[in-house]
Amino acid sequence: MQKLDPRATPPRNDPAAPPRAGFLATLRAVLWSFIGVRRRHDYEHDARSLDPRAIVVAGLLAGLVFVLTLVAVVRLVVGS
């Protein structure tokens, strides 16, 4: 008998599979991960529904915005 891996991605045509999350849901999950606060239930839902490529893109965009915000604040405080 073959054991099923619970972490395996379900087939696309599986009616029990959660629908893929949109980019805003992905961005929200990435922003929550920036502060490190997430409920286990939400994490498990994200693990099933988020696209890894969208996570990478959202993480890069959020990181870029964060760095640019820090640079702007430092320039404002220093006054140059």
Protein backbone atom coordinates (compact mmCIF):
# COMPACT_ATOMS: atom_id res chain seq x y z
CA MET A 1 0.00 0.00 0.00
CA GLN A 2 1.32 3.44 -0.91
CA LYS A 3 1.51 6.15 1.76
CA LEU A 4 0.40 9.62 0.79
CA ASP A 5 2.55 12.59 1.75
CA PRO A 6 0.31 15.18 3.50
CA ARG A 7 2.60 17.95 2.26
CA ALA A 8 2.22 16.91 -1.37
CA THR A 9 0.40 19.33 -3.62
CA PRO A 10 -3.04 17.99 -4.55
CA PRO A 11 -3.88 17.67 -8.23
CA ARG A 12 -5.40 20.76 -9.87
CA ASN A 13 -8.69 19.00 -10.63
CA ASP A 14 -9.16 17.77 -7.05
CA PRO A 15 -12.39 19.33 -5.68
CA ALA A 16 -11.00 19.13 -2.12
CA ALA A 17 -7.98 21.27 -3.04
CA PRO A 18 -8.20 24.89 -1.89
CA PRO A 19 -8.21 27.42 -4.73
CA ARG A 20 -4.96 29.20 -5.48
CA ALA A 21 -4.57 32.44 -3.57
CA GLY A 22 -4.40 35.72 -5.46
CA PHE A 23 -1.45 38.08 -5.37
CA LEU A 24 -2.94 40.26 -2.61
CA ALA A 25 -3.40 37.22 -0.36
CA THR A 26 0.19 36.24 -1.12
CA LEU A 27 1.41 39.74 -0.32
CA ARG A 28 -0.54 39.69 2.96
CA ALA A 29 1.09 36.38 3.93
CA VAL A 30 4.54 37.76 3.07
CA LEU A 31 3.95 40.91 5.12
CA TRP A 32 2.81 38.80 8.09
CA SER A 33 6.01 36.79 7.74
CA PHE A 34 8.06 40.00 7.90
CA ILE A 35 6.90 40.55 11.48
CA GLY A 36 6.89 36.83 12.31
CA VAL A 37 3.35 36.57 13.64
CA ARG A 38 1.06 33.97 12.11
CA ARG A 39 -1.52 31.53 13.46
CA ARG A 40 -0.83 27.89 12.71
CA HIS A 41 -4.15 27.46 10.92
CA ASP A 42 -3.41 30.41 8.62
CA TYR A 43 0.10 29.11 7.96
CA GLU A 44 -1.25 25.69 6.99
CA HIS A 45 -3.83 27.26 4.68
CA ASP A 46 -1.12 29.39 3.06
CA ALA A 47 1.11 26.36 2.59
CA ARG A 48 -1.67 24.66 0.61
CA SER A 49 -2.85 27.62 -1.45
CA LEU A 50 0.11 29.92 -2.17
CA ASP A 51 2.19 29.70 -5.31
CA PRO A 52 5.95 29.63 -4.56
CA ARG A 53 6.76 31.93 -7.50
CA ALA A 54 4.24 34.50 -6.26
CA ILE A 55 5.79 34.31 -2.78
CA VAL A 56 9.24 35.07 -4.20
CA VAL A 57 7.94 38.03 -6.24
CA ALA A 58 5.94 39.41 -3.31
CA GLY A 59 8.92 38.98 -0.98
CA LEU A 60 11.25 40.82 -3.36
CA LEU A 61 8.75 43.66 -3.80
CA ALA A 62 8.10 43.96 -0.07
CA GLY A 63 11.85 43.89 0.64
CA LEU A 64 12.48 46.59 -1.96
CA VAL A 65 9.75 48.81 -0.51
CA PHE A 66 11.15 48.24 2.99
CA VAL A 67 14.70 49.19 1.98
CA LEU A 68 13.56 52.25 0.02
CA THR A 69 11.47 53.37 3.01
CA LEU A 70 14.49 53.03 5.31
CA VAL A 71 16.65 55.03 2.90
CA ALA A 72 13.99 57.76 2.68
CA VAL A 73 13.65 57.97 6.48
CA VAL A 74 17.43 58.17 6.95
CA ARG A 75 17.72 60.91 4.31
CA LEU A 76 14.89 62.82 5.99
CA VAL A 77 16.49 62.54 9.44
CA VAL A 78 20.01 63.35 8.29
CA GLY A 79 18.77 66.17 6.09
CA SER A 80 20.89 65.64 3.02
